[in-house]
N, C-alpha and C. Protein backbone atom coordinates (compact mmCIF):
# COMPACT_ATOMS: atom_id res chain seq x y z
N MET A 1 0.83 -1.17 0.00
CA MET A 1 0.00 0.00 0.00
C MET A 1 0.88 1.25 0.00
N TYR A 2 0.46 2.21 -0.80
CA TYR A 2 1.05 3.54 -0.83
C TYR A 2 -0.04 4.51 -0.38
N GLY A 3 0.37 5.62 0.26
CA GLY A 3 -0.66 6.57 0.65
C GLY A 3 -0.12 7.73 1.46
N LEU A 4 -1.06 8.52 1.93
CA LEU A 4 -0.79 9.68 2.75
C LEU A 4 -1.34 9.43 4.15
N LEU A 5 -0.46 9.49 5.16
CA LEU A 5 -0.83 9.32 6.55
C LEU A 5 -1.10 10.68 7.18
N GLY A 6 -2.27 10.81 7.79
CA GLY A 6 -2.62 12.04 8.50
C GLY A 6 -3.83 11.79 9.36
N GLU A 7 -4.20 12.79 10.12
CA GLU A 7 -5.38 12.62 10.99
C GLU A 7 -6.67 12.97 10.25
N LYS A 8 -6.67 14.06 9.50
CA LYS A 8 -7.85 14.48 8.74
C LYS A 8 -7.39 14.84 7.34
N LEU A 9 -7.90 14.12 6.34
CA LEU A 9 -7.37 14.27 4.98
C LEU A 9 -8.43 14.59 3.93
N GLY A 10 -9.60 15.01 4.36
CA GLY A 10 -10.67 15.30 3.41
C GLY A 10 -10.33 16.37 2.40
N HIS A 11 -9.37 17.22 2.71
CA HIS A 11 -8.96 18.31 1.83
C HIS A 11 -7.91 17.90 0.81
N SER A 12 -7.33 16.72 0.98
CA SER A 12 -6.14 16.35 0.20
C SER A 12 -6.46 15.93 -1.23
N PHE A 13 -5.62 16.37 -2.15
CA PHE A 13 -5.68 15.94 -3.54
C PHE A 13 -4.59 14.92 -3.86
N SER A 14 -3.90 14.44 -2.83
CA SER A 14 -2.77 13.52 -3.02
C SER A 14 -3.16 12.26 -3.79
N LYS A 15 -4.30 11.69 -3.49
CA LYS A 15 -4.73 10.46 -4.18
C LYS A 15 -4.85 10.71 -5.68
N GLU A 16 -5.55 11.76 -6.05
CA GLU A 16 -5.75 12.07 -7.47
C GLU A 16 -4.41 12.37 -8.15
N ILE A 17 -3.57 13.11 -7.49
CA ILE A 17 -2.27 13.48 -8.08
C ILE A 17 -1.41 12.24 -8.29
N HIS A 18 -1.23 11.43 -7.24
CA HIS A 18 -0.37 10.25 -7.35
C HIS A 18 -0.90 9.25 -8.36
N GLU A 19 -2.20 9.00 -8.35
CA GLU A 19 -2.74 8.00 -9.27
C GLU A 19 -2.76 8.49 -10.71
N SER A 20 -2.70 9.80 -10.93
CA SER A 20 -2.69 10.30 -12.31
C SER A 20 -1.28 10.26 -12.92
N ILE A 21 -0.25 10.24 -12.08
CA ILE A 21 1.11 10.25 -12.62
C ILE A 21 1.87 8.94 -12.38
N ASN A 22 1.26 8.01 -11.66
CA ASN A 22 1.92 6.73 -11.37
C ASN A 22 0.97 5.58 -11.59
N ASP A 23 1.53 4.40 -11.71
CA ASP A 23 0.73 3.21 -11.97
C ASP A 23 0.56 2.39 -10.69
N TYR A 24 0.00 3.00 -9.66
CA TYR A 24 -0.29 2.29 -8.42
C TYR A 24 -1.45 2.97 -7.70
N LYS A 25 -2.07 2.21 -6.80
CA LYS A 25 -3.15 2.75 -5.97
C LYS A 25 -2.53 3.54 -4.83
N TYR A 26 -3.09 4.68 -4.54
CA TYR A 26 -2.60 5.57 -3.48
C TYR A 26 -3.78 5.92 -2.60
N ASP A 27 -3.68 5.62 -1.32
CA ASP A 27 -4.79 5.82 -0.40
C ASP A 27 -4.59 7.01 0.52
N LEU A 28 -5.68 7.59 0.94
CA LEU A 28 -5.66 8.57 2.02
C LEU A 28 -5.88 7.77 3.30
N ILE A 29 -4.88 7.77 4.18
CA ILE A 29 -4.89 6.93 5.37
C ILE A 29 -5.12 7.81 6.58
N GLU A 30 -6.39 7.97 6.93
CA GLU A 30 -6.73 8.76 8.12
C GLU A 30 -6.58 7.88 9.35
N VAL A 31 -5.69 8.27 10.24
CA VAL A 31 -5.42 7.49 11.45
C VAL A 31 -5.59 8.42 12.65
N SER A 32 -6.42 8.00 13.58
CA SER A 32 -6.61 8.80 14.80
C SER A 32 -5.36 8.71 15.67
N LYS A 33 -5.23 9.65 16.57
CA LYS A 33 -4.08 9.62 17.48
C LYS A 33 -4.09 8.34 18.32
N ASP A 34 -5.28 7.83 18.64
CA ASP A 34 -5.38 6.59 19.41
C ASP A 34 -4.89 5.37 18.63
N ASP A 35 -5.04 5.39 17.31
CA ASP A 35 -4.65 4.25 16.47
C ASP A 35 -3.27 4.40 15.84
N PHE A 36 -2.62 5.53 16.07
CA PHE A 36 -1.34 5.83 15.43
C PHE A 36 -0.27 4.79 15.76
N ASP A 37 -0.09 4.46 17.03
CA ASP A 37 0.96 3.51 17.43
C ASP A 37 0.75 2.16 16.74
N SER A 38 -0.46 1.69 16.71
CA SER A 38 -0.77 0.41 16.07
C SER A 38 -0.44 0.46 14.57
N PHE A 39 -0.83 1.55 13.91
CA PHE A 39 -0.54 1.69 12.48
C PHE A 39 0.95 1.64 12.21
N MET A 40 1.72 2.38 12.97
CA MET A 40 3.17 2.43 12.75
C MET A 40 3.85 1.13 13.13
N THR A 41 3.38 0.47 14.16
CA THR A 41 3.97 -0.80 14.60
C THR A 41 3.69 -1.91 13.60
N ASN A 42 2.48 -1.93 13.02
CA ASN A 42 2.11 -2.97 12.06
C ASN A 42 2.84 -2.83 10.73
N ARG A 43 3.18 -1.62 10.33
CA ARG A 43 3.95 -1.35 9.10
C ARG A 43 3.32 -1.97 7.84
N ASN A 44 2.02 -1.91 7.71
CA ASN A 44 1.34 -2.50 6.56
C ASN A 44 1.27 -1.53 5.39
N PHE A 45 2.43 -1.10 4.94
CA PHE A 45 2.51 -0.21 3.79
C PHE A 45 3.88 -0.37 3.13
N LYS A 46 3.93 -0.03 1.83
CA LYS A 46 5.20 -0.04 1.10
C LYS A 46 5.91 1.30 1.26
N ALA A 47 5.14 2.38 1.12
CA ALA A 47 5.69 3.73 1.30
C ALA A 47 4.53 4.67 1.58
N ILE A 48 4.79 5.64 2.45
CA ILE A 48 3.75 6.62 2.76
C ILE A 48 4.36 8.02 2.83
N ASN A 49 3.51 8.96 2.52
CA ASN A 49 3.81 10.36 2.82
C ASN A 49 3.15 10.64 4.17
N VAL A 50 3.67 11.62 4.88
CA VAL A 50 3.20 11.92 6.23
C VAL A 50 2.85 13.40 6.32
N THR A 51 1.69 13.69 6.92
CA THR A 51 1.28 15.07 7.11
C THR A 51 0.75 15.29 8.51
N ILE A 52 0.17 16.44 8.76
CA ILE A 52 -0.32 16.87 10.07
C ILE A 52 -1.18 15.76 10.70
N PRO A 53 -0.95 15.40 11.92
CA PRO A 53 0.01 15.92 12.92
C PRO A 53 1.17 14.96 13.18
N TYR A 54 1.56 14.16 12.19
CA TYR A 54 2.46 13.04 12.45
C TYR A 54 3.90 13.18 11.96
N LYS A 55 4.30 14.30 11.40
CA LYS A 55 5.65 14.44 10.83
C LYS A 55 6.76 14.26 11.86
N GLU A 56 6.48 14.61 13.08
CA GLU A 56 7.47 14.43 14.15
C GLU A 56 7.24 13.12 14.91
N LYS A 57 5.99 12.73 15.00
CA LYS A 57 5.62 11.55 15.80
C LYS A 57 6.07 10.23 15.17
N VAL A 58 6.35 10.21 13.87
CA VAL A 58 6.78 8.96 13.21
C VAL A 58 8.23 8.61 13.52
N ILE A 59 9.02 9.58 13.92
CA ILE A 59 10.47 9.39 14.05
C ILE A 59 10.87 8.21 14.95
N PRO A 60 10.27 8.02 16.13
CA PRO A 60 10.70 6.90 16.97
C PRO A 60 10.47 5.52 16.34
N TYR A 61 9.65 5.43 15.31
CA TYR A 61 9.34 4.14 14.68
C TYR A 61 10.31 3.79 13.55
N LEU A 62 11.20 4.71 13.22
CA LEU A 62 12.08 4.53 12.06
C LEU A 62 13.34 3.75 12.43
N HIS A 63 13.79 2.92 11.49
CA HIS A 63 15.06 2.22 11.64
C HIS A 63 16.21 3.08 11.13
N TYR A 64 15.89 3.95 10.17
CA TYR A 64 16.90 4.85 9.58
C TYR A 64 16.21 6.19 9.33
N ILE A 65 16.94 7.26 9.61
CA ILE A 65 16.44 8.59 9.28
C ILE A 65 17.55 9.33 8.53
N ASP A 66 17.18 9.86 7.38
CA ASP A 66 18.11 10.61 6.55
C ASP A 66 18.71 11.76 7.38
N PRO A 67 20.01 12.04 7.20
CA PRO A 67 20.66 13.09 8.01
C PRO A 67 19.94 14.45 7.97
N LYS A 68 19.45 14.86 6.81
CA LYS A 68 18.76 16.15 6.73
C LYS A 68 17.43 16.09 7.49
N ALA A 69 16.72 14.99 7.39
CA ALA A 69 15.47 14.82 8.15
C ALA A 69 15.75 14.82 9.65
N LYS A 70 16.85 14.21 10.04
CA LYS A 70 17.24 14.19 11.45
C LYS A 70 17.54 15.61 11.93
N GLU A 71 18.27 16.37 11.13
CA GLU A 71 18.59 17.75 11.48
C GLU A 71 17.31 18.58 11.62
N ILE A 72 16.38 18.37 10.71
CA ILE A 72 15.12 19.10 10.72
C ILE A 72 14.25 18.68 11.91
N GLY A 73 14.22 17.38 12.17
CA GLY A 73 13.36 16.85 13.23
C GLY A 73 11.95 16.56 12.76
N ALA A 74 11.80 16.33 11.45
CA ALA A 74 10.49 16.03 10.88
C ALA A 74 10.68 15.16 9.64
N VAL A 75 9.75 14.22 9.45
CA VAL A 75 9.79 13.28 8.33
C VAL A 75 8.46 13.34 7.60
N ASN A 76 8.51 13.42 6.27
CA ASN A 76 7.26 13.42 5.51
C ASN A 76 7.18 12.28 4.50
N THR A 77 8.19 11.44 4.44
CA THR A 77 8.19 10.30 3.53
C THR A 77 8.83 9.11 4.22
N ILE A 78 8.12 7.97 4.22
CA ILE A 78 8.65 6.75 4.83
C ILE A 78 8.56 5.63 3.82
N VAL A 79 9.67 4.91 3.67
CA VAL A 79 9.74 3.76 2.78
C VAL A 79 9.95 2.52 3.65
N ASN A 80 9.17 1.48 3.39
CA ASN A 80 9.27 0.23 4.12
C ASN A 80 10.05 -0.77 3.26
N ILE A 81 11.26 -1.09 3.68
CA ILE A 81 12.11 -2.05 2.97
C ILE A 81 12.38 -3.22 3.90
N ASN A 82 11.85 -4.38 3.53
CA ASN A 82 12.00 -5.59 4.35
C ASN A 82 11.58 -5.35 5.80
N ASN A 83 10.45 -4.67 5.96
CA ASN A 83 9.85 -4.39 7.26
C ASN A 83 10.70 -3.45 8.13
N LYS A 84 11.60 -2.73 7.52
CA LYS A 84 12.37 -1.68 8.21
C LYS A 84 11.96 -0.34 7.60
N LEU A 85 11.74 0.65 8.45
CA LEU A 85 11.22 1.93 8.00
C LEU A 85 12.33 2.96 7.86
N TYR A 86 12.39 3.58 6.67
CA TYR A 86 13.39 4.58 6.32
C TYR A 86 12.68 5.93 6.13
N GLY A 87 13.12 6.95 6.87
CA GLY A 87 12.44 8.24 6.85
C GLY A 87 13.25 9.33 6.17
N TYR A 88 12.54 10.17 5.43
CA TYR A 88 13.14 11.26 4.67
C TYR A 88 12.29 12.53 4.81
N ASN A 89 12.88 13.65 4.48
CA ASN A 89 12.13 14.90 4.44
C ASN A 89 12.24 15.48 3.03
N THR A 90 11.27 15.18 2.20
CA THR A 90 11.28 15.71 0.84
C THR A 90 10.72 17.12 0.77
N ASP A 91 10.08 17.58 1.87
CA ASP A 91 9.63 18.98 1.93
C ASP A 91 10.82 19.93 1.76
N TYR A 92 11.95 19.56 2.34
CA TYR A 92 13.16 20.38 2.26
C TYR A 92 13.53 20.61 0.78
N LEU A 93 13.59 19.53 0.02
CA LEU A 93 13.97 19.65 -1.40
C LEU A 93 12.93 20.41 -2.19
N GLY A 94 11.64 20.18 -1.90
CA GLY A 94 10.58 20.87 -2.61
C GLY A 94 10.59 22.37 -2.33
N LEU A 95 10.73 22.73 -1.06
CA LEU A 95 10.76 24.15 -0.70
C LEU A 95 12.01 24.82 -1.28
N LYS A 96 13.12 24.12 -1.24
CA LYS A 96 14.36 24.68 -1.80
C LYS A 96 14.21 24.94 -3.30
N LYS A 97 13.63 23.98 -4.01
CA LYS A 97 13.44 24.14 -5.45
C LYS A 97 12.51 25.32 -5.75
N LEU A 98 11.44 25.46 -4.97
CA LEU A 98 10.51 26.57 -5.15
C LEU A 98 11.22 27.91 -4.94
N ILE A 99 12.02 28.00 -3.89
CA ILE A 99 12.74 29.24 -3.57
C ILE A 99 13.75 29.57 -4.68
N LEU A 100 14.52 28.58 -5.10
CA LEU A 100 15.53 28.82 -6.14
C LEU A 100 14.89 29.15 -7.48
N LYS A 101 13.79 28.45 -7.81
CA LYS A 101 13.11 28.71 -9.08
C LYS A 101 12.60 30.15 -9.15
N ASN A 102 12.16 30.67 -8.01
CA ASN A 102 11.64 32.03 -7.95
C ASN A 102 12.71 33.07 -7.62
N LYS A 103 13.96 32.60 -7.59
CA LYS A 103 15.13 33.47 -7.40
C LYS A 103 15.00 34.34 -6.14
N ILE A 104 14.56 33.72 -5.05
CA ILE A 104 14.46 34.42 -3.78
C ILE A 104 15.80 34.28 -3.06
N ASP A 105 16.40 35.40 -2.76
CA ASP A 105 17.72 35.43 -2.15
C ASP A 105 17.59 35.52 -0.63
N PHE A 106 18.02 34.49 0.08
CA PHE A 106 17.96 34.46 1.54
C PHE A 106 19.24 35.00 2.18
N ASN A 107 20.27 35.20 1.41
CA ASN A 107 21.56 35.59 1.95
C ASN A 107 21.46 36.90 2.73
N ASN A 108 21.85 36.84 4.01
CA ASN A 108 21.84 38.00 4.91
C ASN A 108 20.47 38.64 5.08
N LYS A 109 19.40 37.87 4.92
CA LYS A 109 18.04 38.38 5.07
C LYS A 109 17.46 37.97 6.42
N LYS A 110 16.43 38.70 6.84
CA LYS A 110 15.67 38.38 8.04
C LYS A 110 14.41 37.64 7.60
N VAL A 111 14.18 36.44 8.19
CA VAL A 111 13.09 35.58 7.78
C VAL A 111 12.14 35.35 8.97
N LEU A 112 10.85 35.53 8.73
CA LEU A 112 9.83 35.16 9.71
C LEU A 112 9.19 33.86 9.25
N ILE A 113 9.09 32.89 10.15
CA ILE A 113 8.41 31.64 9.85
C ILE A 113 7.17 31.58 10.71
N LEU A 114 6.01 31.54 10.07
CA LEU A 114 4.74 31.48 10.78
C LEU A 114 4.38 30.02 11.01
N GLY A 115 4.17 29.64 12.28
CA GLY A 115 3.81 28.27 12.62
C GLY A 115 4.97 27.54 13.28
N THR A 116 4.62 26.41 13.92
CA THR A 116 5.62 25.68 14.70
C THR A 116 5.60 24.17 14.47
N GLY A 117 4.91 23.71 13.45
CA GLY A 117 4.84 22.27 13.18
C GLY A 117 6.05 21.77 12.40
N GLY A 118 5.91 20.57 11.86
CA GLY A 118 7.01 19.93 11.13
C GLY A 118 7.50 20.74 9.94
N THR A 119 6.60 21.37 9.22
CA THR A 119 7.02 22.15 8.05
C THR A 119 7.79 23.40 8.47
N SER A 120 7.46 23.97 9.63
CA SER A 120 8.21 25.14 10.09
C SER A 120 9.65 24.76 10.39
N LYS A 121 9.86 23.54 10.88
CA LYS A 121 11.22 23.07 11.15
C LYS A 121 12.00 22.95 9.84
N THR A 122 11.32 22.49 8.81
CA THR A 122 11.95 22.39 7.49
C THR A 122 12.34 23.78 6.99
N ALA A 123 11.42 24.73 7.08
CA ALA A 123 11.68 26.09 6.62
C ALA A 123 12.81 26.73 7.41
N PHE A 124 12.90 26.43 8.70
CA PHE A 124 13.95 26.97 9.55
C PHE A 124 15.32 26.49 9.09
N VAL A 125 15.48 25.18 8.93
CA VAL A 125 16.77 24.62 8.52
C VAL A 125 17.15 25.11 7.13
N LEU A 126 16.20 25.12 6.20
CA LEU A 126 16.49 25.58 4.85
C LEU A 126 16.89 27.05 4.83
N SER A 127 16.21 27.88 5.62
CA SER A 127 16.55 29.30 5.68
C SER A 127 17.99 29.49 6.14
N LYS A 128 18.38 28.73 7.15
CA LYS A 128 19.77 28.78 7.63
C LYS A 128 20.73 28.30 6.55
N ASP A 129 20.39 27.19 5.89
CA ASP A 129 21.25 26.64 4.84
C ASP A 129 21.42 27.62 3.67
N LEU A 130 20.41 28.43 3.43
CA LEU A 130 20.47 29.40 2.32
C LEU A 130 21.11 30.72 2.73
N GLY A 131 21.62 30.79 3.97
CA GLY A 131 22.43 31.93 4.37
C GLY A 131 21.70 33.11 4.99
N CYS A 132 20.50 32.88 5.52
CA CYS A 132 19.81 34.03 6.10
C CYS A 132 20.56 34.55 7.33
N MET A 133 20.35 35.79 7.64
CA MET A 133 21.01 36.44 8.76
C MET A 133 20.30 36.09 10.07
N GLN A 134 18.96 36.04 10.03
CA GLN A 134 18.18 35.80 11.23
C GLN A 134 16.88 35.11 10.86
N VAL A 135 16.48 34.12 11.67
CA VAL A 135 15.21 33.45 11.49
C VAL A 135 14.42 33.59 12.78
N ILE A 136 13.19 34.05 12.67
CA ILE A 136 12.33 34.22 13.83
C ILE A 136 11.09 33.37 13.61
N LYS A 137 10.81 32.49 14.59
CA LYS A 137 9.60 31.67 14.54
C LYS A 137 8.46 32.41 15.24
N VAL A 138 7.30 32.41 14.60
CA VAL A 138 6.13 33.12 15.11
C VAL A 138 5.01 32.13 15.39
N SER A 139 4.38 32.28 16.55
CA SER A 139 3.29 31.38 16.94
C SER A 139 2.20 32.17 17.67
N ARG A 140 1.05 31.54 17.84
CA ARG A 140 -0.02 32.18 18.60
C ARG A 140 0.38 32.34 20.06
N ARG A 141 1.22 31.41 20.54
CA ARG A 141 1.65 31.45 21.94
C ARG A 141 3.16 31.64 22.02
N LYS A 142 3.59 32.54 22.87
CA LYS A 142 5.01 32.80 23.07
C LYS A 142 5.64 31.60 23.79
N SER A 143 6.87 31.27 23.38
CA SER A 143 7.64 30.22 24.05
C SER A 143 9.11 30.62 23.99
N GLU A 144 9.97 29.75 24.46
CA GLU A 144 11.41 30.02 24.39
C GLU A 144 11.89 30.15 22.95
N GLU A 145 11.23 29.43 22.04
CA GLU A 145 11.66 29.40 20.64
C GLU A 145 10.85 30.31 19.73
N THR A 146 9.73 30.87 20.24
CA THR A 146 8.84 31.64 19.36
C THR A 146 8.45 32.98 19.97
N ILE A 147 8.05 33.87 19.07
CA ILE A 147 7.43 35.12 19.49
C ILE A 147 5.98 35.07 19.04
N THR A 148 5.18 36.00 19.52
CA THR A 148 3.77 36.06 19.11
C THR A 148 3.64 36.88 17.82
N TYR A 149 2.46 36.80 17.22
CA TYR A 149 2.19 37.58 16.01
C TYR A 149 2.23 39.08 16.33
N GLU A 150 1.78 39.45 17.52
CA GLU A 150 1.82 40.85 17.92
C GLU A 150 3.27 41.34 18.00
N GLU A 151 4.15 40.51 18.59
CA GLU A 151 5.57 40.88 18.66
C GLU A 151 6.19 40.97 17.27
N ALA A 152 5.80 40.06 16.39
CA ALA A 152 6.33 40.09 15.02
C ALA A 152 5.97 41.40 14.34
N LYS A 153 4.73 41.84 14.53
CA LYS A 153 4.27 43.09 13.92
C LYS A 153 5.01 44.29 14.51
N GLU A 154 5.21 44.27 15.82
CA GLU A 154 5.84 45.40 16.50
C GLU A 154 7.36 45.47 16.28
N LYS A 155 8.03 44.32 16.38
CA LYS A 155 9.50 44.32 16.41
C LYS A 155 10.17 43.85 15.12
N TYR A 156 9.43 43.14 14.27
CA TYR A 156 10.06 42.53 13.09
C TYR A 156 9.31 42.86 11.81
N ASN A 157 8.73 44.05 11.75
CA ASN A 157 8.02 44.42 10.52
C ASN A 157 8.98 44.77 9.39
N ASP A 158 10.28 44.66 9.68
CA ASP A 158 11.29 44.88 8.64
C ASP A 158 11.79 43.56 8.04
N ALA A 159 11.10 42.46 8.34
CA ALA A 159 11.52 41.16 7.80
C ALA A 159 11.50 41.19 6.27
N ASN A 160 12.47 40.52 5.68
CA ASN A 160 12.58 40.48 4.22
C ASN A 160 11.73 39.37 3.60
N ILE A 161 11.56 38.27 4.36
CA ILE A 161 10.88 37.09 3.82
C ILE A 161 9.96 36.54 4.91
N ILE A 162 8.74 36.16 4.52
CA ILE A 162 7.80 35.50 5.43
C ILE A 162 7.42 34.17 4.81
N ILE A 163 7.55 33.10 5.61
CA ILE A 163 7.16 31.76 5.16
C ILE A 163 6.01 31.30 6.05
N ASN A 164 4.86 31.02 5.45
CA ASN A 164 3.69 30.58 6.20
C ASN A 164 3.65 29.05 6.22
N THR A 165 3.84 28.45 7.41
CA THR A 165 3.76 26.99 7.53
C THR A 165 2.57 26.58 8.39
N THR A 166 1.64 27.50 8.60
CA THR A 166 0.46 27.19 9.40
C THR A 166 -0.58 26.50 8.52
N PRO A 167 -1.57 25.85 9.14
CA PRO A 167 -2.66 25.29 8.34
C PRO A 167 -3.68 26.34 7.92
N CYS A 168 -3.41 27.61 8.21
CA CYS A 168 -4.32 28.69 7.83
C CYS A 168 -4.55 28.66 6.31
N GLY A 169 -5.79 28.63 5.95
CA GLY A 169 -6.15 28.57 4.54
C GLY A 169 -6.41 27.18 4.02
N MET A 170 -6.15 26.16 4.85
CA MET A 170 -6.42 24.78 4.44
C MET A 170 -7.89 24.46 4.64
N TYR A 171 -8.40 23.57 3.83
CA TYR A 171 -9.77 23.13 3.92
C TYR A 171 -10.04 22.55 5.30
N PRO A 172 -11.13 22.79 5.95
CA PRO A 172 -12.31 23.50 5.44
C PRO A 172 -12.28 25.00 5.72
N ASN A 173 -11.23 25.48 6.36
CA ASN A 173 -11.12 26.91 6.69
C ASN A 173 -10.30 27.64 5.64
N ASP A 174 -10.71 27.56 4.39
CA ASP A 174 -9.91 28.09 3.30
C ASP A 174 -10.21 29.56 2.98
N ASP A 175 -10.99 30.21 3.83
CA ASP A 175 -11.19 31.66 3.66
C ASP A 175 -10.22 32.41 4.53
């Protein structure tokens, strides 16, 4: 089985996209938090993509984690080879390609990252790798690693680049 692992996937077009460009069945695998451990322990899949809220939670189940995924602390692709799970972060490569294709220069820039999930970790590492001067994580709640949106507006309105990694705008709240 191939598919997308997540908690709520009614908004996803992954099935249509994968099945239109590949010759295999691709499922949307909605797994509740209560059933997550069982799903990962059983390993009844060939390869899966991983989305909210499991990009970080899959890591303890992996036999191997790609060095970049380990640095990021989030995995969005798992391959099952002989019942051993190998984790990767292809979001990093996709975001990097998007940034380079659009000729966005991060060198010595100030970057705001909105959100604190797995994708924000990817954006953080990539921003550093692309040479930004400063990366500030923004969240609804202040923490040791984040500032609030109010603080971002007051203190960092001179940011050069903003990366939105929140689910804001995702179905069903797409307004």
